[in-house]
N, C-alpha and C. Protein backbone atom coordinates (compact mmCIF):
# COMPACT_ATOMS: atom_id res chain seq x y z
N MET A 1 97.19 62.60 97.11
CA MET A 1 98.95 61.65 96.69
C MET A 1 100.35 63.04 96.91
N ALA A 2 101.00 62.97 97.22
CA ALA A 2 101.79 63.69 96.99
C ALA A 2 102.85 63.67 95.23
N ASN A 3 103.45 64.38 94.84
CA ASN A 3 104.39 64.45 93.77
C ASN A 3 105.25 65.31 94.14
N PRO A 4 106.23 64.13 93.89
CA PRO A 4 107.44 64.99 93.95
C PRO A 4 107.70 65.70 93.08
N TRP A 5 107.61 64.80 91.23
CA TRP A 5 107.63 66.75 90.60
C TRP A 5 107.16 68.32 90.06
N ALA A 6 106.23 67.86 91.71
CA ALA A 6 106.23 69.50 91.76
C ALA A 6 106.54 69.57 92.81
N GLY A 7 107.74 68.84 93.28
CA GLY A 7 107.92 69.61 94.90
C GLY A 7 107.57 69.50 95.71
N GLU A 8 106.20 67.69 96.07
CA GLU A 8 105.93 67.57 97.44
C GLU A 8 105.93 66.93 98.06
N VAL A 9 105.60 67.05 99.26
CA VAL A 9 106.17 65.09 100.32
C VAL A 9 105.28 65.55 101.24
N ALA A 10 105.13 64.10 101.91
CA ALA A 10 104.17 63.45 102.26
C ALA A 10 104.10 63.45 104.13
N LEU A 11 103.68 63.69 104.55
CA LEU A 11 103.72 63.53 106.04
C LEU A 11 102.69 63.48 106.64
N VAL A 12 102.89 62.42 107.64
CA VAL A 12 102.22 62.00 108.23
C VAL A 12 101.44 62.68 110.01
N ILE A 13 100.85 63.31 110.20
CA ILE A 13 100.49 63.50 111.69
C ILE A 13 99.93 63.79 112.82
N ASP A 14 99.79 62.61 113.31
CA ASP A 14 98.77 61.80 114.48
C ASP A 14 98.03 61.22 113.55
N GLY A 15 98.56 60.41 112.79
CA GLY A 15 97.37 59.75 112.03
C GLY A 15 97.45 59.54 110.87
N GLN A 16 97.09 61.62 110.64
CA GLN A 16 96.20 61.89 108.96
C GLN A 16 97.39 62.88 108.16
N ARG A 17 97.65 62.06 107.13
CA ARG A 17 98.59 62.31 106.21
C ARG A 17 98.00 63.37 105.50
N HIS A 18 99.52 64.18 104.92
CA HIS A 18 99.35 65.99 104.70
C HIS A 18 99.92 65.91 103.27
N VAL A 19 100.31 66.80 102.08
CA VAL A 19 100.92 66.91 101.31
C VAL A 19 101.84 67.81 101.96
N LEU A 20 102.62 68.16 101.66
CA LEU A 20 103.68 69.43 102.24
C LEU A 20 104.69 70.10 101.06
N LYS A 21 104.21 70.96 100.13
CA LYS A 21 104.93 71.85 99.29
C LYS A 21 105.62 73.57 99.59
N LEU A 22 106.56 73.43 99.66
CA LEU A 22 107.12 75.22 99.76
C LEU A 22 107.55 76.10 98.68
N THR A 23 105.87 76.62 98.92
CA THR A 23 105.16 77.73 97.41
C THR A 23 106.35 78.55 97.96
N LEU A 24 106.43 79.96 96.58
CA LEU A 24 107.09 81.10 97.16
C LEU A 24 106.33 81.75 98.01
N GLY A 25 104.86 81.52 98.08
CA GLY A 25 104.27 82.17 99.77
C GLY A 25 104.71 81.73 101.19
N ALA A 26 105.20 80.40 101.37
CA ALA A 26 105.51 79.33 102.03
C ALA A 26 106.60 80.02 102.34
N LEU A 27 107.80 79.53 101.60
CA LEU A 27 109.26 81.03 101.69
C LEU A 27 108.88 81.66 102.28
N ALA A 28 108.72 82.57 101.64
CA ALA A 28 108.48 83.82 102.62
C ALA A 28 107.68 83.61 103.73
N GLU A 29 106.41 83.08 103.90
CA GLU A 29 106.20 82.90 105.13
C GLU A 29 107.02 82.67 106.31
N LEU A 30 107.89 81.39 106.07
CA LEU A 30 109.04 80.91 106.57
C LEU A 30 110.11 81.91 107.23
N GLU A 31 110.62 82.27 105.57
CA GLU A 31 111.77 83.50 106.27
C GLU A 31 111.63 84.61 107.02
N ALA A 32 109.82 85.59 107.47
CA ALA A 32 109.48 86.21 108.46
C ALA A 32 109.33 85.80 109.46
N GLY A 33 108.87 84.28 109.35
CA GLY A 33 108.86 83.62 111.06
C GLY A 33 110.27 83.04 111.82
N LEU A 34 110.77 83.11 110.89
CA LEU A 34 112.48 83.28 111.65
C LEU A 34 113.33 83.97 111.64
N GLU A 35 113.10 85.29 111.57
CA GLU A 35 113.79 86.24 111.03
C GLU A 35 115.05 86.04 110.19
N SER A 36 115.20 85.26 109.77
CA SER A 36 116.47 85.26 108.83
C SER A 36 116.98 86.53 107.93
N ASP A 37 117.58 86.71 107.70
CA ASP A 37 118.00 88.09 107.03
C ASP A 37 117.19 87.44 104.85
N SER A 38 117.81 86.71 105.23
CA SER A 38 117.88 85.90 104.23
C SER A 38 117.46 84.36 103.70
N LEU A 39 116.93 83.66 102.78
CA LEU A 39 116.92 82.53 102.68
C LEU A 39 117.49 81.67 102.79
N VAL A 40 118.84 82.15 101.44
CA VAL A 40 120.60 81.53 101.80
C VAL A 40 120.52 81.51 103.56
N ASP A 41 120.66 82.14 104.49
CA ASP A 41 121.16 82.51 105.77
C ASP A 41 119.90 81.27 106.54
N LEU A 42 119.32 81.21 105.83
CA LEU A 42 117.85 79.74 106.95
C LEU A 42 119.03 78.65 106.33
N VAL A 43 119.02 78.60 104.72
CA VAL A 43 119.93 76.90 104.59
C VAL A 43 121.05 77.01 105.43
N ALA A 44 121.62 77.46 105.49
CA ALA A 44 123.37 77.73 106.40
C ALA A 44 122.82 77.60 107.57
N ARG A 45 121.62 77.81 107.86
CA ARG A 45 121.66 76.98 109.75
C ARG A 45 121.23 76.11 109.49
N PHE A 46 120.44 75.53 108.52
CA PHE A 46 120.00 74.26 108.39
C PHE A 46 121.40 73.25 108.48
N GLU A 47 122.28 73.23 107.29
CA GLU A 47 123.36 72.40 106.69
C GLU A 47 124.79 73.08 108.25
N SER A 48 125.04 73.54 108.73
CA SER A 48 125.24 73.72 109.26
C SER A 48 125.13 73.16 110.99
N GLY A 49 123.77 72.58 111.20
CA GLY A 49 123.22 72.70 112.51
C GLY A 49 122.73 73.20 113.40
N ALA A 50 123.45 74.32 113.17
CA ALA A 50 122.81 74.90 113.93
C ALA A 50 121.14 75.56 114.01
N PHE A 51 120.42 75.08 113.65
CA PHE A 51 118.93 74.68 113.75
C PHE A 51 118.39 74.84 115.13
N SER A 52 117.09 75.09 115.38
CA SER A 52 116.35 74.35 116.93
C SER A 52 115.32 73.88 116.52
N SER A 53 114.46 73.80 117.13
CA SER A 53 113.02 72.87 117.01
C SER A 53 111.63 73.15 116.36
N ARG A 54 112.45 75.00 116.98
CA ARG A 54 111.68 76.16 116.68
C ARG A 54 111.75 75.92 114.99
N ASP A 55 113.23 75.53 114.15
CA ASP A 55 112.76 76.23 113.17
C ASP A 55 112.04 74.88 112.21
N VAL A 56 112.00 73.70 113.19
CA VAL A 56 112.20 72.56 112.08
C VAL A 56 110.39 72.69 111.83
N LEU A 57 109.89 73.07 113.32
CA LEU A 57 108.56 73.22 112.95
C LEU A 57 108.29 74.58 112.18
N ARG A 58 108.77 75.65 112.33
CA ARG A 58 108.07 76.69 111.19
C ARG A 58 108.38 76.06 109.63
N LEU A 59 109.70 75.88 109.39
CA LEU A 59 109.64 74.60 107.96
C LEU A 59 108.00 73.54 108.16
N ILE A 60 108.29 72.66 109.27
CA ILE A 60 107.14 72.28 108.20
C ILE A 60 105.81 72.88 108.80
N VAL A 61 105.83 73.68 109.57
CA VAL A 61 104.46 74.65 109.15
C VAL A 61 104.07 75.48 107.58
N ALA A 62 105.57 75.56 107.38
CA ALA A 62 105.80 76.37 105.85
C ALA A 62 105.16 75.60 104.84
N GLY A 63 105.40 74.29 104.32
CA GLY A 63 105.19 73.05 103.91
C GLY A 63 103.92 73.06 103.92
N LEU A 64 103.49 72.94 104.75
CA LEU A 64 101.40 72.52 105.12
C LEU A 64 101.24 73.59 104.63
N ARG A 65 101.08 74.96 104.86
CA ARG A 65 100.26 75.55 104.62
C ARG A 65 100.76 76.11 102.66
N GLY A 66 101.75 75.54 102.80
CA GLY A 66 102.17 75.69 100.92
C GLY A 66 101.65 74.59 100.01
N GLY A 67 101.38 73.75 101.36
CA GLY A 67 100.28 72.55 100.82
C GLY A 67 98.45 72.43 101.15
N GLY A 68 98.17 73.47 101.27
CA GLY A 68 96.92 73.87 101.29
C GLY A 68 96.53 73.87 102.88
N TRP A 69 97.65 73.66 103.98
CA TRP A 69 96.60 73.02 105.86
C TRP A 69 96.27 74.67 105.68
N ARG A 70 95.63 75.54 106.66
CA ARG A 70 94.79 75.93 106.78
C ARG A 70 95.03 76.88 108.46
N GLY A 71 96.31 75.35 108.84
CA GLY A 71 96.56 75.53 110.33
C GLY A 71 96.98 76.51 110.86
N GLN A 72 97.30 76.67 112.37
CA GLN A 72 98.50 77.88 113.18
C GLN A 72 100.05 76.64 113.26
N ALA A 73 100.87 76.51 113.62
CA ALA A 73 102.38 75.85 114.34
C ALA A 73 101.30 75.00 115.54
N GLY A 74 100.77 76.25 116.22
CA GLY A 74 100.22 76.17 117.84
C GLY A 74 99.33 74.95 117.80
N ASP A 75 98.25 74.62 116.93
CA ASP A 75 97.96 73.77 116.27
C ASP A 75 98.85 72.32 116.17
N LEU A 76 99.83 71.99 115.95
CA LEU A 76 101.00 70.98 116.06
C LEU A 76 101.35 70.69 117.30
N VAL A 77 100.76 71.86 118.29
CA VAL A 77 102.09 71.30 119.80
C VAL A 77 101.15 71.45 120.58
N SER A 78 100.85 70.07 120.93
CA SER A 78 99.81 70.10 122.51
C SER A 78 99.88 68.29 122.78
């Protein structure tokens, strides 16, 4: 069960429920994967609507990995 007080959210993918959490490690992986100068730049892209579907996929993968998932982005794109 997702705990919103701990920064967790739930997401159902292909009928399977997952818990997402943006841990420090997940945020660092996200920042590196998006090739942003900083997380502030990343947030600005989302706030301005200048994000792509690739950005959203990377955000979901980072949250999944922070929640303990061991897959890769390619596992979700099929």
